[in-house]
Amino acid sequence: MADVLDVVHAIPPGRVLTYGDVAALVGRGGPRQVGKVMSQWGSLVPWWRVLRAGGAPPTGHEQRALKHYRDEGTPLRADGERVDLKTARWSPE
């Protein structure tokens, strides 16, 4: 659990990762396991910076997440409802 939250906490403003990206960085589990951690403990970290593989915000939190994206300058797709993963995906290096 702590390793997932550590990765999410490290994502800079205006950048994002998918649930699968977080799982890959942690080195175990998969998107569902990350989602479970986020559903229970995500309020402790910038939860809106973790999204679904298609760039959509977390289910049930779309409007709150979109406000955060706009406030942080996160690149959105033309539809204004999803994050542009090509430009917003974070790569820790």
N, C-alpha and C. Protein backbone atom coordinates (compact mmCIF):
# COMPACT_ATOMS: atom_id res chain seq x y z
N MET A 1 0.82 -1.19 0.00
CA MET A 1 0.00 0.00 0.00
C MET A 1 0.87 1.25 0.00
N ALA A 2 1.82 1.35 0.90
CA ALA A 2 2.64 2.55 1.02
C ALA A 2 3.42 2.83 -0.26
N ASP A 3 3.86 1.77 -0.94
CA ASP A 3 4.63 1.99 -2.16
C ASP A 3 3.76 2.62 -3.25
N VAL A 4 2.50 2.22 -3.34
CA VAL A 4 1.58 2.84 -4.30
C VAL A 4 1.39 4.31 -3.97
N LEU A 5 1.14 4.59 -2.71
CA LEU A 5 0.92 5.98 -2.29
C LEU A 5 2.18 6.82 -2.49
N ASP A 6 3.36 6.24 -2.28
CA ASP A 6 4.61 6.97 -2.51
C ASP A 6 4.76 7.37 -3.98
N VAL A 7 4.43 6.45 -4.88
CA VAL A 7 4.52 6.76 -6.32
C VAL A 7 3.54 7.87 -6.67
N VAL A 8 2.32 7.77 -6.22
CA VAL A 8 1.30 8.78 -6.54
C VAL A 8 1.70 10.13 -5.95
N HIS A 9 2.22 10.13 -4.74
CA HIS A 9 2.65 11.38 -4.11
C HIS A 9 3.76 12.07 -4.92
N ALA A 10 4.57 11.29 -5.61
CA ALA A 10 5.70 11.84 -6.37
C ALA A 10 5.31 12.43 -7.72
N ILE A 11 4.11 12.16 -8.21
CA ILE A 11 3.68 12.68 -9.51
C ILE A 11 3.55 14.21 -9.40
N PRO A 12 4.28 14.94 -10.24
CA PRO A 12 4.23 16.41 -10.15
C PRO A 12 2.89 16.98 -10.65
N PRO A 13 2.57 18.19 -10.19
CA PRO A 13 1.36 18.86 -10.70
C PRO A 13 1.40 18.98 -12.22
N GLY A 14 0.26 18.76 -12.84
CA GLY A 14 0.16 18.86 -14.29
C GLY A 14 0.56 17.59 -15.03
N ARG A 15 0.97 16.58 -14.29
CA ARG A 15 1.38 15.30 -14.88
C ARG A 15 0.51 14.20 -14.31
N VAL A 16 0.46 13.05 -14.99
CA VAL A 16 -0.40 11.94 -14.58
C VAL A 16 0.27 10.61 -14.85
N LEU A 17 -0.28 9.57 -14.24
CA LEU A 17 0.04 8.18 -14.55
C LEU A 17 -1.27 7.42 -14.60
N THR A 18 -1.28 6.31 -15.32
CA THR A 18 -2.43 5.42 -15.29
C THR A 18 -2.27 4.45 -14.13
N TYR A 19 -3.35 3.77 -13.80
CA TYR A 19 -3.28 2.75 -12.75
C TYR A 19 -2.23 1.71 -13.11
N GLY A 20 -2.16 1.34 -14.37
CA GLY A 20 -1.17 0.36 -14.83
C GLY A 20 0.25 0.89 -14.72
N ASP A 21 0.45 2.17 -15.01
CA ASP A 21 1.77 2.78 -14.87
C ASP A 21 2.25 2.69 -13.41
N VAL A 22 1.35 3.00 -12.49
CA VAL A 22 1.71 2.95 -11.07
C VAL A 22 2.09 1.52 -10.68
N ALA A 23 1.30 0.55 -11.13
CA ALA A 23 1.61 -0.85 -10.82
C ALA A 23 2.99 -1.24 -11.37
N ALA A 24 3.31 -0.79 -12.57
CA ALA A 24 4.61 -1.11 -13.17
C ALA A 24 5.74 -0.49 -12.36
N LEU A 25 5.56 0.74 -11.89
CA LEU A 25 6.59 1.39 -11.09
C LEU A 25 6.77 0.72 -9.73
N VAL A 26 5.68 0.24 -9.17
CA VAL A 26 5.74 -0.45 -7.89
C VAL A 26 6.41 -1.82 -8.07
N GLY A 27 6.19 -2.42 -9.23
CA GLY A 27 6.84 -3.70 -9.53
C GLY A 27 6.05 -4.93 -9.17
N ARG A 28 4.78 -4.73 -8.84
CA ARG A 28 3.94 -5.90 -8.57
C ARG A 28 2.47 -5.49 -8.66
N GLY A 29 1.61 -6.49 -8.77
CA GLY A 29 0.18 -6.23 -8.89
C GLY A 29 -0.15 -5.68 -10.26
N GLY A 30 -1.32 -5.11 -10.37
CA GLY A 30 -1.78 -4.55 -11.63
C GLY A 30 -2.69 -3.38 -11.37
N PRO A 31 -3.35 -2.90 -12.43
CA PRO A 31 -4.23 -1.73 -12.29
C PRO A 31 -5.32 -1.92 -11.24
N ARG A 32 -5.89 -3.10 -11.15
CA ARG A 32 -6.97 -3.32 -10.17
C ARG A 32 -6.47 -3.21 -8.74
N GLN A 33 -5.27 -3.72 -8.50
CA GLN A 33 -4.72 -3.63 -7.16
C GLN A 33 -4.41 -2.17 -6.79
N VAL A 34 -3.90 -1.42 -7.76
CA VAL A 34 -3.65 0.01 -7.52
C VAL A 34 -4.98 0.71 -7.26
N GLY A 35 -6.00 0.38 -8.04
CA GLY A 35 -7.32 0.98 -7.84
C GLY A 35 -7.87 0.70 -6.46
N LYS A 36 -7.64 -0.51 -5.97
CA LYS A 36 -8.13 -0.85 -4.63
C LYS A 36 -7.43 0.00 -3.57
N VAL A 37 -6.12 0.14 -3.69
CA VAL A 37 -5.38 0.99 -2.75
C VAL A 37 -5.89 2.42 -2.84
N MET A 38 -6.07 2.92 -4.06
CA MET A 38 -6.51 4.30 -4.24
C MET A 38 -7.92 4.51 -3.69
N SER A 39 -8.78 3.50 -3.82
CA SER A 39 -10.16 3.67 -3.33
C SER A 39 -10.19 3.76 -1.80
N GLN A 40 -9.23 3.13 -1.14
CA GLN A 40 -9.21 3.15 0.32
C GLN A 40 -8.34 4.26 0.90
N TRP A 41 -7.24 4.58 0.23
CA TRP A 41 -6.26 5.50 0.80
C TRP A 41 -5.93 6.69 -0.10
N GLY A 42 -6.56 6.79 -1.24
CA GLY A 42 -6.22 7.82 -2.22
C GLY A 42 -6.39 9.25 -1.75
N SER A 43 -7.22 9.47 -0.75
CA SER A 43 -7.42 10.84 -0.26
C SER A 43 -6.17 11.40 0.40
N LEU A 44 -5.20 10.55 0.68
CA LEU A 44 -3.95 10.99 1.32
C LEU A 44 -2.95 11.55 0.31
N VAL A 45 -3.22 11.36 -0.98
CA VAL A 45 -2.30 11.75 -2.05
C VAL A 45 -3.09 12.46 -3.16
N PRO A 46 -2.42 13.04 -4.15
CA PRO A 46 -3.14 13.69 -5.25
C PRO A 46 -3.77 12.64 -6.18
N TRP A 47 -4.88 12.09 -5.75
CA TRP A 47 -5.58 10.98 -6.41
C TRP A 47 -5.94 11.27 -7.86
N TRP A 48 -6.21 12.54 -8.18
CA TRP A 48 -6.64 12.90 -9.54
C TRP A 48 -5.53 12.70 -10.57
N ARG A 49 -4.31 12.52 -10.12
CA ARG A 49 -3.19 12.32 -11.04
C ARG A 49 -3.03 10.87 -11.48
N VAL A 50 -3.93 9.99 -11.01
CA VAL A 50 -3.94 8.59 -11.45
C VAL A 50 -5.26 8.36 -12.17
N LEU A 51 -5.17 7.91 -13.42
CA LEU A 51 -6.38 7.75 -14.20
C LEU A 51 -6.40 6.48 -15.02
N ARG A 52 -7.51 6.28 -15.67
CA ARG A 52 -7.70 5.07 -16.48
C ARG A 52 -6.88 5.15 -17.76
N ALA A 53 -6.65 4.01 -18.36
CA ALA A 53 -5.76 3.90 -19.52
C ALA A 53 -6.18 4.79 -20.68
N GLY A 54 -7.45 5.12 -20.81
CA GLY A 54 -7.91 5.98 -21.90
C GLY A 54 -7.81 7.46 -21.60
N GLY A 55 -7.27 7.80 -20.43
CA GLY A 55 -7.13 9.21 -20.06
C GLY A 55 -8.30 9.76 -19.28
N ALA A 56 -9.27 8.91 -18.95
CA ALA A 56 -10.46 9.37 -18.22
C ALA A 56 -10.16 9.46 -16.72
N PRO A 57 -10.73 10.44 -16.05
CA PRO A 57 -10.55 10.59 -14.61
C PRO A 57 -11.15 9.40 -13.86
N PRO A 58 -10.81 9.27 -12.58
CA PRO A 58 -11.37 8.19 -11.77
C PRO A 58 -12.91 8.23 -11.77
N THR A 59 -13.51 7.09 -11.91
CA THR A 59 -14.97 6.96 -11.94
C THR A 59 -15.59 7.54 -10.67
N GLY A 60 -16.60 8.35 -10.89
CA GLY A 60 -17.32 8.96 -9.77
C GLY A 60 -16.72 10.26 -9.28
N HIS A 61 -15.54 10.60 -9.80
CA HIS A 61 -14.86 11.81 -9.36
C HIS A 61 -14.48 12.70 -10.54
N GLU A 62 -15.16 12.52 -11.64
CA GLU A 62 -14.79 13.20 -12.88
C GLU A 62 -14.75 14.72 -12.75
N GLN A 63 -15.78 15.32 -12.22
CA GLN A 63 -15.84 16.78 -12.16
C GLN A 63 -14.79 17.36 -11.21
N ARG A 64 -14.60 16.72 -10.07
CA ARG A 64 -13.56 17.18 -9.14
C ARG A 64 -12.18 17.05 -9.77
N ALA A 65 -11.94 15.94 -10.46
CA ALA A 65 -10.64 15.71 -11.10
C ALA A 65 -10.41 16.74 -12.20
N LEU A 66 -11.42 16.99 -13.02
CA LEU A 66 -11.26 17.96 -14.11
C LEU A 66 -10.93 19.35 -13.58
N LYS A 67 -11.49 19.72 -12.44
CA LYS A 67 -11.14 21.01 -11.84
C LYS A 67 -9.66 21.03 -11.46
N HIS A 68 -9.17 19.94 -10.87
CA HIS A 68 -7.75 19.86 -10.53
C HIS A 68 -6.88 19.94 -11.79
N TYR A 69 -7.28 19.25 -12.86
CA TYR A 69 -6.49 19.27 -14.10
C TYR A 69 -6.39 20.70 -14.63
N ARG A 70 -7.51 21.38 -14.64
CA ARG A 70 -7.51 22.76 -15.14
C ARG A 70 -6.66 23.66 -14.25
N ASP A 71 -6.80 23.50 -12.95
CA ASP A 71 -6.02 24.31 -12.01
C ASP A 71 -4.52 24.08 -12.15
N GLU A 72 -4.13 22.84 -12.44
CA GLU A 72 -2.71 22.47 -12.54
C GLU A 72 -2.15 22.62 -13.95
N GLY A 73 -3.01 22.90 -14.92
CA GLY A 73 -2.55 23.02 -16.30
C GLY A 73 -2.25 21.69 -16.96
N THR A 74 -2.91 20.64 -16.51
CA THR A 74 -2.73 19.31 -17.10
C THR A 74 -3.31 19.33 -18.51
N PRO A 75 -2.53 18.89 -19.52
CA PRO A 75 -3.05 18.88 -20.89
C PRO A 75 -4.27 17.96 -21.04
N LEU A 76 -5.33 18.50 -21.61
CA LEU A 76 -6.55 17.73 -21.86
C LEU A 76 -6.70 17.48 -23.35
N ARG A 77 -7.45 16.44 -23.69
CA ARG A 77 -7.77 16.18 -25.09
C ARG A 77 -8.78 17.21 -25.57
N ALA A 78 -9.02 17.21 -26.85
CA ALA A 78 -9.93 18.19 -27.46
C ALA A 78 -11.33 18.13 -26.86
N ASP A 79 -11.75 16.93 -26.38
CA ASP A 79 -13.09 16.81 -25.80
C ASP A 79 -13.20 17.49 -24.44
N GLY A 80 -12.06 17.85 -23.84
CA GLY A 80 -12.06 18.52 -22.55
C GLY A 80 -12.45 17.64 -21.38
N GLU A 81 -12.65 16.36 -21.63
CA GLU A 81 -13.10 15.42 -20.60
C GLU A 81 -12.05 14.39 -20.21
N ARG A 82 -11.00 14.29 -21.01
CA ARG A 82 -9.94 13.31 -20.75
C ARG A 82 -8.58 13.98 -20.85
N VAL A 83 -7.64 13.42 -20.13
CA VAL A 83 -6.27 13.92 -20.15
C VAL A 83 -5.57 13.42 -21.41
N ASP A 84 -4.74 14.26 -21.98
CA ASP A 84 -3.92 13.87 -23.13
C ASP A 84 -2.69 13.14 -22.59
N LEU A 85 -2.76 11.82 -22.58
CA LEU A 85 -1.69 11.01 -22.00
C LEU A 85 -0.35 11.18 -22.72
N LYS A 86 -0.38 11.46 -24.00
CA LYS A 86 0.88 11.61 -24.75
C LYS A 86 1.72 12.75 -24.20
N THR A 87 1.09 13.79 -23.75
CA THR A 87 1.85 14.94 -23.25
C THR A 87 1.87 15.04 -21.72
N ALA A 88 0.90 14.45 -21.04
CA ALA A 88 0.81 14.60 -19.59
C ALA A 88 1.40 13.44 -18.81
N ARG A 89 1.69 12.32 -19.47
CA ARG A 89 2.20 11.16 -18.72
C ARG A 89 3.57 11.47 -18.15
N TRP A 90 3.72 11.18 -16.86
CA TRP A 90 4.97 11.43 -16.15
C TRP A 90 5.88 10.23 -16.22
N SER A 91 7.16 10.50 -16.35
CA SER A 91 8.15 9.44 -16.35
C SER A 91 9.23 9.79 -15.33
N PRO A 92 9.26 9.10 -14.21
CA PRO A 92 10.27 9.42 -13.19
C PRO A 92 11.66 9.04 -13.68
N GLU A 93 12.56 9.98 -13.62
CA GLU A 93 13.93 9.70 -14.07
C GLU A 93 14.92 10.46 -13.24
